[in-house]
Amino acid sequence: MDMLAESEVECIQKTIAKYGKNTFGELTDITHDSAWHATDDNQPIPMEFIVSTLSNAAEVAGYLRVY
C-alpha cells in the first residue's frame, strides 16, 4: 500500500465500500456485458462484440476500420 498514490488507495477503499459485500455472481453481473455472454468460455471476446455494446458503436467501428 505504501507504493500506491493516495488517490489510488482512496479509489480502492471506495470500491471495497461499494462492492465489497457483493457475491461473485453479483460482481459478474455488474462487470460482464452482452459481449462476454455471447462468447464461448475461455475464448477471446471479438472486437466487434465489444464495439457493439457501445452507445457510439457505429462511430467506433468506423474509426477502427481506418486503422
Protein backbone atom coordinates (compact mmCIF):
# COMPACT_ATOMS: atom_id res chain seq x y z
CA MET A 1 0.00 0.00 0.00
CA ASP A 2 2.96 2.32 0.61
CA MET A 3 3.76 2.20 -3.11
CA LEU A 4 0.31 3.42 -4.14
CA ALA A 5 -0.67 7.04 -4.57
CA GLU A 6 -3.17 8.45 -2.10
CA SER A 7 -5.74 8.72 -4.91
CA GLU A 8 -5.26 5.03 -5.77
CA VAL A 9 -5.78 3.97 -2.16
CA GLU A 10 -8.90 6.14 -1.99
CA CYS A 11 -10.24 4.53 -5.16
CA ILE A 12 -9.62 1.04 -3.78
CA GLN A 13 -11.33 1.93 -0.50
CA LYS A 14 -14.37 3.36 -2.30
CA THR A 15 -14.60 0.27 -4.49
CA ILE A 16 -14.46 -2.03 -1.48
CA ALA A 17 -17.10 0.07 0.30
CA LYS A 18 -19.42 -0.07 -2.72
CA TYR A 19 -18.87 -3.65 -3.93
CA GLY A 20 -17.16 -5.49 -1.09
CA LYS A 21 -20.31 -7.28 0.08
CA ASN A 22 -21.38 -8.46 -3.38
CA THR A 23 -21.15 -12.14 -4.25
CA PHE A 24 -19.04 -13.39 -7.13
CA GLY A 25 -22.20 -13.83 -9.20
CA GLU A 26 -23.38 -10.30 -8.45
CA LEU A 27 -19.99 -8.87 -9.40
CA THR A 28 -20.05 -10.88 -12.62
CA ASP A 29 -23.48 -9.44 -13.49
CA ILE A 30 -22.21 -5.91 -12.81
CA THR A 31 -18.98 -6.22 -14.78
CA HIS A 32 -19.83 -8.52 -17.70
CA ASP A 33 -22.00 -7.40 -20.58
CA SER A 34 -23.53 -8.97 -23.66
CA ALA A 35 -20.15 -9.23 -25.42
CA TRP A 36 -18.94 -11.56 -22.66
CA HIS A 37 -22.19 -13.55 -22.66
CA ALA A 38 -22.01 -14.02 -26.44
CA THR A 39 -18.51 -15.52 -26.29
CA ASP A 40 -17.69 -19.15 -25.58
CA ASP A 41 -15.87 -19.89 -22.33
CA ASN A 42 -12.11 -19.30 -22.32
CA GLN A 43 -12.17 -17.60 -25.73
CA PRO A 44 -11.16 -14.05 -26.56
CA ILE A 45 -14.04 -11.64 -26.98
CA PRO A 46 -14.13 -10.49 -30.63
CA MET A 47 -13.61 -6.75 -31.01
CA GLU A 48 -16.86 -6.39 -32.94
CA PHE A 49 -18.76 -7.89 -29.96
CA ILE A 50 -17.20 -5.28 -27.66
CA VAL A 51 -17.85 -2.43 -30.07
CA SER A 52 -21.49 -3.47 -30.46
CA THR A 53 -22.09 -2.80 -26.74
CA LEU A 54 -21.09 0.87 -27.04
CA SER A 55 -23.58 3.70 -27.41
CA ASN A 56 -21.44 5.10 -30.26
CA ALA A 57 -20.77 1.71 -31.88
CA ALA A 58 -21.03 2.96 -35.48
CA GLU A 59 -18.56 5.77 -34.84
CA VAL A 60 -16.07 3.46 -33.09
CA ALA A 61 -16.43 0.79 -35.79
CA GLY A 62 -15.73 3.42 -38.46
CA TYR A 63 -12.68 4.62 -36.58
CA LEU A 64 -11.34 1.09 -36.20
CA ARG A 65 -11.79 0.37 -39.92
CA VAL A 66 -9.44 3.27 -40.67
CA TYR A 67 -6.62 1.58 -38.73
